[in-house]
Every structure is written in structure tokens, then in C-alpha cells.
Protein backbone atom coordinates (compact mmCIF):
# COMPACT_ATOMS: atom_id res chain seq x y z
CA MET A 1 37.37 -13.02 3.02
CA ASN A 2 37.29 -11.78 6.62
CA GLU A 3 35.33 -8.73 5.54
CA PHE A 4 32.80 -10.90 3.69
CA VAL A 5 32.28 -13.13 6.74
CA TYR A 6 31.86 -10.10 8.99
CA LEU A 7 29.38 -8.44 6.61
CA THR A 8 27.43 -11.68 6.27
CA PHE A 9 26.93 -12.14 10.00
CA ASP A 10 26.24 -8.45 10.44
CA GLY A 11 23.61 -8.65 7.70
CA LEU A 12 22.01 -11.73 9.26
CA SER A 13 21.76 -10.07 12.66
CA ARG A 14 20.20 -6.95 11.13
CA GLY A 15 17.96 -9.05 8.93
CA ALA A 16 16.58 -10.99 11.91
CA VAL A 17 15.38 -7.71 13.40
CA TYR A 18 13.70 -6.70 10.13
CA ALA A 19 12.16 -10.16 9.95
CA ALA A 20 10.57 -9.73 13.38
CA PHE A 21 8.87 -6.52 12.32
CA ALA A 22 7.90 -7.94 8.92
CA LEU A 23 6.13 -10.74 10.79
CA ALA A 24 3.84 -8.16 12.40
CA LEU A 25 2.93 -6.80 8.97
CA VAL A 26 2.28 -10.31 7.67
CA LEU A 27 0.10 -11.13 10.66
CA ILE A 28 -2.21 -8.14 10.24
CA TRP A 29 -2.38 -8.79 6.49
CA ARG A 30 -3.40 -12.42 7.03
CA ALA A 31 -5.95 -11.43 9.66
CA ALA A 32 -7.48 -8.29 8.12
CA ARG A 33 -6.06 -7.91 4.58
CA ILE A 34 -4.63 -4.53 5.58
CA VAL A 35 -1.07 -3.19 5.49
CA ASN A 36 -0.83 -1.32 8.78
CA PHE A 37 1.39 1.68 8.12
CA ALA A 38 0.97 2.69 11.77
CA GLN A 39 2.69 -0.50 12.97
CA GLY A 40 6.02 1.26 13.56
CA ALA A 41 4.52 4.08 15.62
CA MET A 42 2.48 1.59 17.66
CA ALA A 43 5.63 -0.43 18.35
CA VAL A 44 7.51 2.67 19.50
CA ALA A 45 4.65 3.52 21.89
CA ALA A 46 4.96 0.05 23.45
CA VAL A 47 8.74 0.45 23.77
CA TYR A 48 8.22 3.77 25.57
CA VAL A 49 5.95 1.96 28.04
CA ALA A 50 8.69 -0.62 28.58
CA TYR A 51 11.24 2.19 29.00
CA SER A 52 9.09 3.78 31.71
CA VAL A 53 8.57 0.49 33.55
CA THR A 54 12.25 -0.46 33.37
CA SER A 55 13.32 2.99 34.56
CA ALA A 56 10.94 2.77 37.51
CA THR A 57 11.67 -0.82 38.54
CA GLY A 58 15.14 -1.52 37.17
CA SER A 59 13.87 -4.76 35.60
CA TYR A 60 14.36 -5.19 31.84
CA TRP A 61 12.25 -8.33 31.68
CA LEU A 62 9.31 -6.72 33.47
CA GLY A 63 9.47 -3.88 30.96
CA PHE A 64 9.70 -6.43 28.16
CA ALA A 65 6.58 -8.25 29.33
CA VAL A 66 4.66 -5.01 29.84
CA ALA A 67 5.61 -3.89 26.31
CA ILE A 68 4.03 -7.02 24.81
CA LEU A 69 0.92 -6.48 26.95
CA ALA A 70 0.81 -2.81 25.94
CA GLY A 71 1.00 -3.87 22.30
CA LEU A 72 -1.98 -6.19 22.77
CA VAL A 73 -4.03 -3.43 24.40
CA LEU A 74 -3.02 -0.85 21.79
CA GLY A 75 -3.91 -3.21 18.95
CA VAL A 76 -7.37 -3.86 20.40
CA THR A 77 -7.89 -0.13 20.97
CA VAL A 78 -6.88 0.88 17.45
CA GLU A 79 -9.12 -1.76 15.86
CA ARG A 80 -12.12 -1.13 18.10
CA VAL A 81 -11.95 2.67 18.23
CA VAL A 82 -10.54 3.59 14.81
CA MET A 83 -10.17 0.91 12.13
CA ARG A 84 -13.58 -0.70 12.71
CA PHE A 85 -15.27 2.50 11.51
CA VAL A 86 -13.15 2.94 8.38
CA ASP A 87 -14.86 2.36 5.05
CA HIS A 88 -12.88 -0.51 3.51
CA SER A 89 -14.48 -0.27 0.09
CA SER A 90 -11.22 1.36 -1.02
CA PRO A 91 -7.81 0.17 0.27
CA LEU A 92 -6.62 3.78 0.36
CA ASN A 93 -9.01 4.63 3.19
CA GLY A 94 -7.20 2.35 5.61
CA VAL A 95 -3.83 3.66 4.45
CA VAL A 96 -4.83 7.30 5.02
CA VAL A 97 -6.22 6.54 8.49
CA ALA A 98 -3.09 4.56 9.42
CA LEU A 99 -0.85 7.43 8.32
CA GLY A 100 -2.98 9.78 10.41
CA LEU A 101 -2.49 7.46 13.38
CA VAL A 102 1.28 7.69 12.88
CA LEU A 103 1.15 11.49 13.24
CA VAL A 104 -1.11 11.29 16.30
CA ILE A 105 0.96 8.64 18.11
CA GLN A 106 4.27 10.35 17.36
CA GLY A 107 2.86 13.70 18.46
CA VAL A 108 1.59 12.31 21.76
CA LEU A 109 4.90 10.54 22.43
CA GLY A 110 6.78 13.75 21.69
CA ILE A 111 4.61 15.66 24.17
CA LEU A 112 4.96 13.03 26.90
CA TYR A 113 8.62 12.07 26.50
CA GLY A 114 10.24 14.78 24.40
CA ASN A 115 12.09 14.38 21.11
CA GLU A 116 15.58 13.51 22.33
CA PHE A 117 17.07 10.08 21.71
CA ARG A 118 17.04 7.89 24.81
CA PRO A 119 19.42 4.93 25.20
CA VAL A 120 17.75 1.54 25.66
CA GLU A 121 19.53 -1.30 27.42
CA THR A 122 19.73 -4.86 26.18
CA PRO A 123 19.42 -8.01 28.31
CA PHE A 124 22.57 -9.51 26.80
CA SER A 125 25.93 -8.20 25.66
CA ARG A 126 26.21 -6.80 22.13
CA ASP A 127 29.93 -7.56 21.98
CA ALA A 128 30.39 -10.06 19.15
CA PHE A 129 32.22 -13.34 19.56
CA GLU A 130 35.43 -13.44 17.52
CA VAL A 131 36.64 -16.45 15.57
CA GLY A 132 40.02 -16.10 13.86
CA GLY A 133 39.94 -12.36 14.48
CA VAL A 134 36.55 -11.95 12.75
CA ALA A 135 33.59 -10.62 14.72
CA LEU A 136 30.55 -12.87 14.32
CA LEU A 137 27.40 -12.89 16.43
CA SER A 138 26.86 -11.44 19.89
CA ARG A 139 24.76 -12.88 22.69
CA TYR A 140 22.09 -10.31 21.85
CA ASP A 141 22.08 -11.40 18.19
CA ILE A 142 21.49 -15.00 19.31
CA PHE A 143 18.65 -13.80 21.53
CA VAL A 144 17.08 -12.05 18.53
CA PHE A 145 17.34 -15.18 16.38
CA VAL A 146 15.74 -17.31 19.10
CA ALA A 147 12.92 -14.80 19.64
CA VAL A 148 12.16 -14.50 15.91
CA GLY A 149 12.28 -18.28 15.51
CA ALA A 150 9.83 -18.74 18.37
CA VAL A 151 7.42 -16.20 16.86
CA VAL A 152 7.63 -17.83 13.42
CA GLY A 153 6.92 -21.24 14.90
CA ALA A 154 4.00 -19.96 16.97
CA LEU A 155 2.41 -18.12 14.03
CA THR A 156 2.86 -21.10 11.72
CA LEU A 157 1.11 -23.36 14.21
CA LEU A 158 -1.60 -20.76 14.79
CA PHE A 159 -2.55 -20.43 11.13
CA THR A 160 -2.11 -24.06 10.06
CA ARG A 161 -2.93 -26.19 13.08
CA THR A 162 -5.57 -24.33 15.10
CA ALA A 163 -9.25 -23.58 14.55
CA ILE A 164 -8.73 -19.97 15.65
CA GLY A 165 -6.09 -19.41 12.97
CA LEU A 166 -8.36 -20.82 10.26
CA ARG A 167 -11.24 -18.65 11.50
CA MET A 168 -9.01 -15.58 11.36
CA ARG A 169 -8.08 -16.30 7.75
CA ALA A 170 -11.66 -17.11 6.81
CA ALA A 171 -12.86 -13.86 8.37
CA ALA A 172 -10.28 -11.93 6.36
CA PHE A 173 -10.90 -13.66 3.00
CA ALA A 174 -14.69 -14.13 3.12
CA PRO A 175 -16.31 -12.21 5.99
CA ASP A 176 -19.90 -12.64 4.79
CA VAL A 177 -19.59 -16.39 4.37
CA SER A 178 -17.79 -16.63 7.70
CA ARG A 179 -20.66 -14.89 9.48
CA LEU A 180 -23.12 -17.37 7.97
CA LEU A 181 -20.95 -20.19 9.34
CA GLY A 182 -21.04 -18.71 12.84
CA VAL A 183 -17.60 -17.11 12.89
CA SER A 184 -17.33 -13.88 14.89
CA VAL A 185 -15.68 -11.78 12.20
CA GLY A 186 -15.36 -8.74 14.45
CA GLY A 187 -13.75 -10.80 17.18
CA MET A 188 -11.29 -12.37 14.74
CA LEU A 189 -10.30 -8.95 13.39
CA THR A 190 -9.73 -7.65 16.90
CA LEU A 191 -7.64 -10.71 17.74
CA GLY A 192 -5.60 -10.22 14.56
CA TRP A 193 -4.87 -6.60 15.39
CA ALA A 194 -3.96 -7.50 18.97
CA LEU A 195 -1.54 -10.25 17.94
CA ALA A 196 0.02 -8.11 15.21
CA ALA A 197 0.55 -5.23 17.62
CA ALA A 198 2.10 -7.60 20.18
CA VAL A 199 4.52 -8.99 17.59
CA GLY A 200 5.28 -5.44 16.48
CA SER A 201 6.04 -4.51 20.08
CA LEU A 202 8.41 -7.46 20.34
CA ALA A 203 10.11 -6.28 17.15
CA GLY A 204 10.40 -2.78 18.57
CA MET A 205 12.03 -4.12 21.72
CA LEU A 206 14.52 -6.01 19.57
CA VAL A 207 15.35 -3.28 17.07
CA VAL A 208 15.42 -0.02 19.07
CA PRO A 209 18.61 -0.92 21.02
CA THR A 210 20.40 -1.62 17.70
CA GLU A 211 19.56 1.80 16.26
CA LEU A 212 20.28 5.31 17.57
CA GLY A 213 17.98 4.84 20.56
CA LEU A 214 14.39 5.48 21.56
CA HIS A 215 12.65 8.36 19.77
CA PRO A 216 9.07 8.96 18.57
CA THR A 217 10.22 8.36 14.97
CA ALA A 218 12.69 5.58 15.80
CA MET A 219 10.90 2.95 13.68
CA ASP A 220 10.31 5.00 10.52
CA VAL A 221 13.41 3.82 8.63
CA VAL A 222 13.05 0.32 10.06
CA PHE A 223 9.47 0.18 8.79
CA ILE A 224 10.65 0.78 5.22
CA SER A 225 13.12 -2.10 5.39
CA ALA A 226 10.62 -4.36 7.15
CA PHE A 227 7.87 -3.54 4.65
CA THR A 228 10.26 -4.39 1.83
CA ALA A 229 11.09 -7.67 3.59
CA ALA A 230 7.40 -8.54 3.94
CA VAL A 231 6.68 -7.77 0.28
CA VAL A 232 9.76 -9.64 -0.94
CA GLY A 233 8.86 -12.75 1.05
CA GLY A 234 5.12 -12.46 0.49
CA LEU A 235 2.61 -10.68 2.71
CA ASP A 236 0.77 -13.95 3.31
CA SER A 237 3.83 -15.96 4.41
CA PRO A 238 5.47 -15.87 7.87
CA ILE A 239 8.39 -17.89 6.51
CA GLY A 240 8.62 -15.45 3.61
CA ALA A 241 8.82 -12.55 6.06
CA VAL A 242 11.81 -14.16 7.76
CA VAL A 243 13.57 -14.93 4.49
CA GLY A 244 12.76 -11.45 3.19
CA GLY A 245 14.14 -9.87 6.36
CA LEU A 246 17.39 -11.80 6.08
CA VAL A 247 17.70 -10.91 2.39
CA VAL A 248 17.17 -7.21 3.10
CA GLY A 249 19.63 -7.31 6.01
CA LEU A 250 22.30 -8.98 3.88
CA LEU A 251 21.71 -6.55 1.02
CA LEU A 252 22.07 -3.54 3.29
CA SER A 253 25.21 -4.98 4.87
CA TYR A 254 26.91 -5.87 1.58
CA VAL A 255 26.06 -2.58 -0.13
CA SER A 256 27.13 -0.54 2.91
CA GLY A 257 30.39 -2.48 3.22
CA TYR A 258 31.44 -2.81 -0.42
CA VAL A 259 29.88 0.27 -2.00
CA GLU A 260 28.63 3.14 0.17
CA PRO A 261 26.21 3.31 3.13
CA THR A 262 24.23 6.10 1.45
CA VAL A 263 23.52 3.78 -1.49
CA ALA A 264 22.02 1.04 0.69
CA PRO A 265 18.45 2.51 0.82
CA MET A 266 18.46 2.75 -2.99
CA ALA A 267 19.46 -0.91 -3.21
CA VAL A 268 16.49 -1.86 -1.01
CA LEU A 269 14.18 0.18 -3.23
CA LEU A 270 15.59 -1.52 -6.32
CA LEU A 271 15.03 -4.94 -4.74
CA LEU A 272 11.41 -4.01 -4.01
CA VAL A 273 10.83 -2.87 -7.61
CA VAL A 274 12.41 -6.02 -9.07
CA VAL A 275 10.29 -8.33 -6.91
CA LEU A 276 7.09 -6.41 -7.63
CA LEU A 277 7.76 -6.60 -11.36
CA GLY A 278 8.78 -10.26 -11.38
CA ARG A 279 6.56 -11.76 -8.67
CA PRO A 280 4.11 -9.20 -7.24
CA GLY A 281 2.83 -11.61 -4.59
CA GLY A 282 6.30 -12.19 -3.17
CA LEU A 283 8.78 -15.02 -3.43
CA PHE A 284 6.79 -17.30 -1.11
CA SER A 285 3.32 -16.36 -2.31
CA SER A 286 0.86 -19.10 -3.12
CA SER A 287 -0.42 -19.35 -6.64
CA LYS A 288 -3.87 -19.80 -5.19
CA ALA A 289 -5.48 -18.44 -2.06
CA ARG A 290 -6.30 -21.05 0.52
CA VAL A 291 -9.97 -21.55 1.22
CA ALA A 292 -10.72 -22.30 4.87
């Protein structure tokens, strides 16, 4: 029983991190109807900026704030300089360009910072509280939960209670009609990319300290789990991204603890296949697209 409790809380803490990154994928999908496969590399670039600022100033929170700002700037730059000129008549075009961006960003980071793993500090202790001899959550885990919850709440309000959120969705679903109604489709797409990159940067700041450390490819494996979380929950649902992230985290924890760690990635792949076969839109997908 103790092992089950430990694995459950471990899975929830890991799942919260996956949920944060899945939220970035959901955001760009809702804003531009694109799965950004470069999201992980963009997040790592922002974390490297934070690493440089923290190393120079000694302030984690200054680095944290600069990372979010760097994500915003990088998102705007990628959309304005690259993605705006991609022919979106075929979904594969955006995928190919995004994968090319991954290689470019990782190559530049490798040139600037090298390819060794760099330790990244956390603002709170990662030592878990123990209850009855069982390790539960740490202060850092609680910080992750609070951060993810705040992002979910903000995104939910943005897309359901604000005119900007409705314009972003309208621009993604029906760009031609939106232009006729006076919506700046280009501006909404840029805003969507900026917000998604900022959320991705936040996710990178949360997840990198829990992995091996900072490296140009640090988010590659995390991206697979986060992408699975987003698909499982539904690419159009922020709440689904959170639930999907927690499900993936629990699955990885249980399989690693009760079976074998090397089997865990196969379990995630199996989960993805089952969901795609049973409910391709995700567990929280709407049966009908909302018309703004």
C-alpha cells in the first residue's frame, strides 16, 4: 500500500509537469490549428536564457520572468518570420517546417552553450514531505500544481470570457469570415503563438529541473509525453490537457514501479493508440466545434 501511495503522488507530480507543456500545445492548436512540434526546442531556448540571467544575477525569479518574456518574443518571431510564410494547404507543411526549426534551434543552442548537461536550480526544496514513512509531495511539486492551475484558469477565462479569446478561435476556425467581420487574423495568430510559447517556456522552467538537467535536447522525451497528454485529453481542451497530463504521469509511474521503467514509453504509446482508435478527438473533445 505504501508503494502505491508513493507511486500515485510521484505520478501526479510528474503529470502536472506534462500537463503544463500539453497546455502550450493546446493553446497553439486553439489559436492556429497547428501542432507545433518545435514547442519543446523553443521552451529549451527560453530556459537557456533564464539560466544565463540567473547565473549572471543570482536571482532565480528574475531568470524565471525573463524566460516567460523570451518565450513571448520567440513565439512572435517564429510566427512572423517563419510560420506566416508556410503554405497551410497541407498540414504536413507546417509539421516539416516545425521539425526543421527544432534542428536549427538545437544546433544554435549547442554552438552557444555546448552539449553538456547543466544543473538547474529550483526555487523550492524537492525533498518530499513524509506521512507515515511514505514520501508524498515536495514544496516544488506544490509550486508546480499552483502554477499549472493558474495557467489553466487564465486560459479558460481567456477563451470563454473575453472578446480576444473568441477572436482568436474565430480566426483559427474561419479566417476568411473573421476578416470580413473586422478581426485581425494575422494579429490573432501572432498573439496565439506568443502565448503558446510563453506557456511552453513556463513548462520548460518547471520540467527541466526534474529531468537530467539543461541540454539542447532536454525536452524531446518530455514532448512525447506531453503530446500524448494533449491528444488524450483533447487538443481543443485546456482541462483535457491537465487531465491527460495527470493520466500520463500516473501511467508512467505505475508501469515504472510495478513492471519495468523501460516498458513505460511503450505503455504511453499504447495509451495514445487506444485513445485515437476509440475517441480520436480526445476524451474531452466536443462533439461539435464551437462557432464564435
